[in-house]
Amino acid sequence: MDAGTLVGWFDANARELPWRADGTTPWGVLVSEIMLQQTPVARVEPVWLDWMARWPRPSALAAVSRGEVVRAWGKLGYPRRALRLHEAATVIAAEHDDTVPSDVDTLLSLPGIGAYTARAVAAFAYGRRAPVVDTNVRRVVARAVHGAGDAGQPSTKRDLSDVDDLLPVEEKLAARLSIALMELGAIVCTARSPRCTMCPIHAECAWQLAGTPEYTGPAKAVQTYAGTDRQVRGKLLDVLRGTAGPVPKSRLDVVWSDAGQREACLASLLDDGLVEQLADGRFTLPGEHQAGSPK
């Protein structure tokens, strides 16, 4: 795979996303990567812009309550990510002079930062040579390198090795190739309707050369939302996010008819630290009863 060809394609065709704009700080890149996990770009963009306007530095986010952070997270989903980002901001402000670390090992030491996010920040924010692997990259590598229609089950060791083998030695070019691979998978080499004739590496793609064989592995489970604990947890949080102060239990009881599921979901929110129960029995977002009304 020719790095120059793919990077040239990226430079000419990349989406204009706010976290890619000149002047975006490593903190802005980190926030975007946390928000983008399992969440479409269109939903992330307005929330990211709001967060960066309110909390342009890790110390600014660390200074507010966890409840304010959960409230600002809105409907991005998987709100524990908001708490992990708050925890990471606190450590960055206290131990790293309010600057997001640039090396993978130090990034991995931050709360809630895993293999993908650490490498994404190192590559996209600092131009480091680091294999960045998400679902899109795995699909591109599976097709272009291995001639398979789908990447199959993930393997961190194998997937990182596959991408590392593709990266040139020169750091900045390697970082650009990392983001180009991701973009190719997002807008051209898509899962269901790949736009192969528009692909810059179409002629050398092993999947094309093999006749585009269909994926023959186990079927992937289709994720549902309606009726799941995720939906119930979201409804409970919606009540608290939409209220300026603590709410009685009766306000939460009306959001879901299945009392057993509702109570289990409320308990899980308490266990996750996304909700707190006060001594008088009312419920609130974490820390807001101490920090005052949300700003």
Protein backbone atom coordinates (compact mmCIF):
# COMPACT_ATOMS: atom_id res chain seq x y z
CA MET A 1 0.00 0.00 0.00
CA ASP A 2 1.53 3.28 -1.12
CA ALA A 3 1.39 5.76 1.76
CA GLY A 4 1.83 8.76 -0.50
CA THR A 5 -1.14 7.82 -2.67
CA LEU A 6 -3.48 7.34 0.26
CA VAL A 7 -2.32 10.46 2.11
CA GLY A 8 -2.72 12.48 -1.09
CA TRP A 9 -6.26 11.18 -1.44
CA PHE A 10 -6.97 12.13 2.18
CA ASP A 11 -5.62 15.65 1.73
CA ALA A 12 -7.95 16.15 -1.24
CA ASN A 13 -11.07 14.43 0.10
CA ALA A 14 -11.07 14.52 3.91
CA ARG A 15 -14.20 15.76 5.64
CA GLU A 16 -13.93 19.16 7.28
CA LEU A 17 -14.44 18.28 10.92
CA PRO A 18 -13.90 20.85 13.68
CA TRP A 19 -11.41 18.74 15.61
CA ARG A 20 -9.26 18.55 12.47
CA ALA A 21 -9.09 22.32 12.07
CA ASP A 22 -5.80 24.15 12.42
CA GLY A 23 -5.27 25.25 15.97
CA THR A 24 -7.12 22.34 17.58
CA THR A 25 -5.27 21.44 20.75
CA PRO A 26 -4.36 17.90 21.84
CA TRP A 27 -7.07 18.33 24.49
CA GLY A 28 -9.60 18.97 21.72
CA VAL A 29 -8.43 15.85 19.92
CA LEU A 30 -8.75 13.77 23.10
CA VAL A 31 -12.28 15.04 23.74
CA SER A 32 -13.29 14.24 20.16
CA GLU A 33 -11.89 10.72 20.33
CA ILE A 34 -13.78 9.93 23.54
CA MET A 35 -17.01 11.35 22.13
CA LEU A 36 -16.68 9.55 18.79
CA GLN A 37 -16.55 6.08 20.34
CA GLN A 38 -19.67 4.26 19.07
CA THR A 39 -21.26 7.61 18.17
CA PRO A 40 -21.82 9.14 14.70
CA VAL A 41 -19.92 12.28 13.73
CA ALA A 42 -23.13 14.27 13.18
CA ARG A 43 -24.18 13.80 16.79
CA VAL A 44 -20.74 14.54 18.18
CA GLU A 45 -19.97 17.77 16.33
CA PRO A 46 -22.36 20.19 18.12
CA VAL A 47 -21.58 18.71 21.54
CA TRP A 48 -17.82 18.90 20.92
CA LEU A 49 -18.09 22.54 19.88
CA ASP A 50 -20.04 23.35 23.03
CA TRP A 51 -17.58 21.51 25.27
CA MET A 52 -14.55 23.19 23.77
CA ALA A 53 -16.15 26.61 24.18
CA ARG A 54 -16.97 25.89 27.83
CA TRP A 55 -13.93 23.85 28.78
CA PRO A 56 -11.00 24.67 26.47
CA ARG A 57 -8.43 23.15 28.84
CA PRO A 58 -8.42 20.02 31.01
CA SER A 59 -8.32 22.15 34.19
CA ALA A 60 -11.55 23.90 33.15
CA LEU A 61 -13.39 20.59 32.90
CA ALA A 62 -11.81 19.27 36.08
CA ALA A 63 -13.12 22.30 37.99
CA VAL A 64 -16.81 21.53 37.45
CA SER A 65 -18.95 18.88 39.09
CA ARG A 66 -19.41 15.44 37.59
CA GLY A 67 -23.10 16.23 37.36
CA GLU A 68 -22.47 19.23 35.15
CA VAL A 69 -20.34 17.05 32.90
CA VAL A 70 -23.06 14.38 32.65
CA ARG A 71 -25.63 17.08 31.93
CA ALA A 72 -23.50 18.58 29.14
CA TRP A 73 -22.93 15.11 27.65
CA GLY A 74 -26.60 15.15 26.70
CA LYS A 75 -27.77 12.32 24.46
CA LEU A 76 -24.41 11.15 23.11
CA GLY A 77 -24.96 7.83 24.84
CA TYR A 78 -22.70 5.71 27.02
CA PRO A 79 -22.45 8.55 29.59
CA ARG A 80 -19.77 6.80 31.61
CA ARG A 81 -17.46 8.19 28.95
CA ALA A 82 -18.20 11.66 30.34
CA LEU A 83 -17.08 10.61 33.81
CA ARG A 84 -13.91 9.00 32.45
CA LEU A 85 -13.11 12.17 30.53
CA HIS A 86 -13.63 14.21 33.70
CA GLU A 87 -11.30 11.88 35.60
CA ALA A 88 -8.67 12.08 32.87
CA ALA A 89 -8.93 15.88 32.83
CA THR A 90 -8.37 15.96 36.58
CA VAL A 91 -5.19 13.91 36.30
CA ILE A 92 -3.91 15.89 33.30
CA ALA A 93 -4.46 19.18 35.14
CA ALA A 94 -2.86 17.97 38.37
CA GLU A 95 0.00 15.80 37.14
CA HIS A 96 0.79 16.94 33.58
CA ASP A 97 0.74 20.72 33.83
CA ASP A 98 -2.66 20.90 32.11
CA THR A 99 -1.18 19.42 28.92
CA VAL A 100 -2.32 16.18 27.32
CA PRO A 101 0.67 13.76 27.21
CA SER A 102 2.14 12.99 23.81
CA ASP A 103 3.44 9.43 24.26
CA VAL A 104 1.29 6.32 24.18
CA ASP A 105 2.46 4.82 27.47
CA THR A 106 1.68 7.96 29.47
CA LEU A 107 -1.67 8.35 27.73
CA LEU A 108 -2.50 4.76 28.65
CA SER A 109 -1.88 5.60 32.30
CA LEU A 110 -4.73 8.13 32.29
CA PRO A 111 -8.15 7.04 33.63
CA GLY A 112 -10.38 5.57 30.95
CA ILE A 113 -7.84 5.85 28.11
CA GLY A 114 -7.44 2.59 26.20
CA ALA A 115 -5.26 1.33 23.38
CA TYR A 116 -7.20 2.99 20.58
CA THR A 117 -7.59 6.42 22.20
CA ALA A 118 -3.97 6.63 23.36
CA ARG A 119 -2.66 5.90 19.88
CA ALA A 120 -5.19 8.18 18.19
CA VAL A 121 -4.16 11.13 20.34
CA ALA A 122 -0.45 10.42 19.82
CA ALA A 123 -0.92 10.23 16.04
CA PHE A 124 -3.58 12.85 15.36
CA ALA A 125 -2.60 15.46 17.94
CA TYR A 126 1.17 15.05 17.94
CA GLY A 127 2.01 13.44 14.61
CA ARG A 128 3.54 10.37 16.21
CA ARG A 129 4.02 7.04 14.49
CA ALA A 130 1.40 4.91 16.22
CA PRO A 131 -0.88 2.27 14.67
CA VAL A 132 -4.45 3.47 15.20
CA VAL A 133 -7.05 0.73 14.81
CA ASP A 134 -10.81 1.15 14.81
CA THR A 135 -13.58 -0.72 12.99
CA ASN A 136 -13.03 1.26 9.80
CA VAL A 137 -9.28 0.61 9.74
CA ARG A 138 -9.76 -3.09 10.45
CA ARG A 139 -12.13 -3.35 7.46
CA VAL A 140 -9.74 -1.54 5.11
CA VAL A 141 -6.85 -3.78 6.14
CA ALA A 142 -8.99 -6.92 5.87
CA ARG A 143 -9.96 -6.06 2.31
CA ALA A 144 -6.92 -4.27 0.91
CA VAL A 145 -4.27 -6.47 2.52
CA HIS A 146 -5.89 -9.82 3.28
CA GLY A 147 -8.52 -10.01 0.53
CA ALA A 148 -11.36 -10.68 2.98
CA GLY A 149 -14.77 -9.06 2.87
CA ASP A 150 -14.79 -8.37 6.59
CA ALA A 151 -12.25 -8.18 9.39
CA GLY A 152 -13.91 -10.82 11.56
CA GLN A 153 -13.36 -10.86 15.29
CA PRO A 154 -10.94 -8.23 16.63
CA SER A 155 -7.54 -9.14 18.04
CA THR A 156 -5.63 -6.22 19.53
CA LYS A 157 -2.21 -7.79 19.01
CA ARG A 158 -2.88 -8.92 15.44
CA ASP A 159 -4.70 -5.75 14.41
CA LEU A 160 -1.99 -3.44 15.75
CA SER A 161 0.67 -5.55 14.04
CA ASP A 162 -1.21 -5.43 10.71
CA VAL A 163 -1.43 -1.64 10.76
CA ASP A 164 2.08 -1.15 12.09
CA ASP A 165 3.39 -3.09 9.09
CA LEU A 166 1.75 -0.53 6.79
CA LEU A 167 3.13 2.60 8.45
CA PRO A 168 6.23 4.26 7.00
CA VAL A 169 9.16 4.98 9.29
CA GLU A 170 8.83 8.76 9.02
CA GLU A 171 6.58 9.87 11.89
CA LYS A 172 4.50 12.60 10.31
CA LEU A 173 3.79 10.55 7.18
CA ALA A 174 2.87 7.57 9.36
CA ALA A 175 0.45 9.73 11.37
CA ARG A 176 -1.16 11.02 8.17
CA LEU A 177 -1.51 7.50 6.85
CA SER A 178 -3.21 6.45 10.07
CA ILE A 179 -5.92 9.07 9.70
CA ALA A 180 -6.18 8.43 5.95
CA LEU A 181 -6.87 4.72 6.55
CA MET A 182 -9.61 5.64 9.00
CA GLU A 183 -11.17 8.13 6.63
CA LEU A 184 -11.08 5.66 3.75
CA GLY A 185 -13.01 3.14 5.81
CA ALA A 186 -15.51 5.76 6.95
CA ILE A 187 -16.48 7.24 3.58
CA VAL A 188 -15.33 4.85 0.83
CA CYS A 189 -14.56 1.33 2.06
CA THR A 190 -17.80 1.12 4.02
CA ALA A 191 -19.27 -2.07 5.41
CA ARG A 192 -22.41 -2.39 3.31
CA SER A 193 -21.95 -0.30 0.17
CA PRO A 194 -18.26 0.25 -0.54
CA ARG A 195 -17.56 2.84 -3.25
CA CYS A 196 -14.75 0.81 -4.76
CA THR A 197 -14.46 2.75 -8.01
CA MET A 198 -13.61 5.86 -5.96
CA CYS A 199 -10.95 4.14 -3.89
CA PRO A 200 -7.38 5.42 -4.41
CA ILE A 201 -5.95 1.93 -3.85
CA HIS A 202 -8.56 0.09 -5.91
CA ALA A 203 -5.99 -1.35 -8.33
CA GLU A 204 -3.90 -2.95 -5.59
CA CYS A 205 -6.73 -4.03 -3.27
CA ALA A 206 -6.43 -7.74 -2.51
CA TRP A 207 -10.20 -8.02 -2.10
CA GLN A 208 -10.75 -6.64 -5.61
CA LEU A 209 -8.06 -8.87 -7.06
CA ALA A 210 -9.73 -11.88 -5.42
CA GLY A 211 -13.10 -11.02 -6.96
CA THR A 212 -14.64 -9.39 -3.86
CA PRO A 213 -15.53 -12.63 -2.03
CA GLU A 214 -18.33 -12.34 0.49
CA TYR A 215 -17.63 -12.57 4.18
CA THR A 216 -18.19 -16.16 5.32
CA GLY A 217 -17.57 -15.85 9.06
CA PRO A 218 -20.18 -15.86 11.84
CA ALA A 219 -22.96 -13.33 11.51
CA LYS A 220 -22.55 -10.21 13.60
CA ALA A 221 -25.14 -9.58 16.27
CA VAL A 222 -27.49 -6.71 15.41
CA GLN A 223 -27.55 -4.19 18.22
CA THR A 224 -30.99 -3.09 19.33
CA TYR A 225 -31.97 -0.17 21.55
CA ALA A 226 -35.72 -0.27 22.16
CA GLY A 227 -36.52 -1.96 25.44
CA THR A 228 -32.90 -2.35 26.50
CA ASP A 229 -31.33 -1.26 29.77
CA ARG A 230 -29.53 1.44 27.78
CA GLN A 231 -32.87 2.96 26.86
CA VAL A 232 -34.16 2.82 30.43
CA ARG A 233 -30.96 4.32 31.84
CA GLY A 234 -31.18 7.09 29.26
CA LYS A 235 -34.77 7.90 30.24
CA LEU A 236 -33.83 8.08 33.92
CA LEU A 237 -30.91 10.39 33.17
CA ASP A 238 -33.13 12.54 30.95
CA VAL A 239 -35.30 13.36 33.96
CA LEU A 240 -32.30 14.45 36.02
CA ARG A 241 -30.68 16.38 33.18
CA GLY A 242 -33.92 18.23 32.55
CA THR A 243 -34.36 19.31 36.17
CA ALA A 244 -32.41 22.03 37.98
CA GLY A 245 -32.32 20.23 41.32
CA PRO A 246 -32.88 16.88 43.04
CA VAL A 247 -36.03 14.94 42.14
CA PRO A 248 -38.18 12.57 44.22
CA LYS A 249 -38.32 8.89 43.37
CA SER A 250 -41.85 9.32 42.03
CA ARG A 251 -40.47 11.41 39.12
CA LEU A 252 -38.29 8.49 38.08
CA ASP A 253 -40.91 5.79 38.57
CA VAL A 254 -43.08 7.08 35.73
CA VAL A 255 -40.44 6.78 32.98
CA TRP A 256 -40.68 2.98 32.59
CA SER A 257 -43.51 0.59 33.37
CA ASP A 258 -41.37 -2.48 34.13
CA ALA A 259 -40.54 -1.81 37.77
CA GLY A 260 -37.94 -4.56 38.02
CA GLN A 261 -35.98 -3.35 35.00
CA ARG A 262 -36.36 0.27 36.08
CA GLU A 263 -35.05 -0.39 39.58
CA ALA A 264 -32.12 -2.43 38.27
CA CYS A 265 -31.18 0.36 35.87
CA LEU A 266 -31.40 2.98 38.59
CA ALA A 267 -29.16 0.84 40.79
CA SER A 268 -26.65 0.51 37.95
CA LEU A 269 -26.60 4.29 37.48
CA LEU A 270 -25.89 4.69 41.19
CA ASP A 271 -23.12 2.07 41.01
CA ASP A 272 -21.58 3.83 37.99
CA GLY A 273 -21.53 7.17 39.77
CA LEU A 274 -23.84 8.76 37.22
CA VAL A 275 -26.57 9.36 39.79
CA GLU A 276 -26.50 10.08 43.53
CA GLN A 277 -29.18 9.58 46.16
CA LEU A 278 -29.43 12.20 48.90
CA ALA A 279 -30.12 11.54 52.56
CA ASP A 280 -33.75 12.63 52.08
CA GLY A 281 -34.24 9.97 49.39
CA ARG A 282 -34.22 12.27 46.37
CA PHE A 283 -31.97 11.70 43.37
CA THR A 284 -29.59 14.03 41.57
CA LEU A 285 -26.74 14.09 39.10
CA PRO A 286 -23.40 13.51 40.88
CA GLY A 287 -22.01 16.44 42.86
CA GLU A 288 -24.72 18.92 41.91
CA HIS A 289 -26.25 19.04 45.37
CA GLN A 290 -22.87 20.30 46.61
CA ALA A 291 -21.92 22.50 43.66
CA GLY A 292 -25.30 24.25 43.41
CA SER A 293 -27.57 24.59 40.44
CA PRO A 294 -26.11 23.82 37.03
CA LYS A 295 -24.65 26.79 35.24
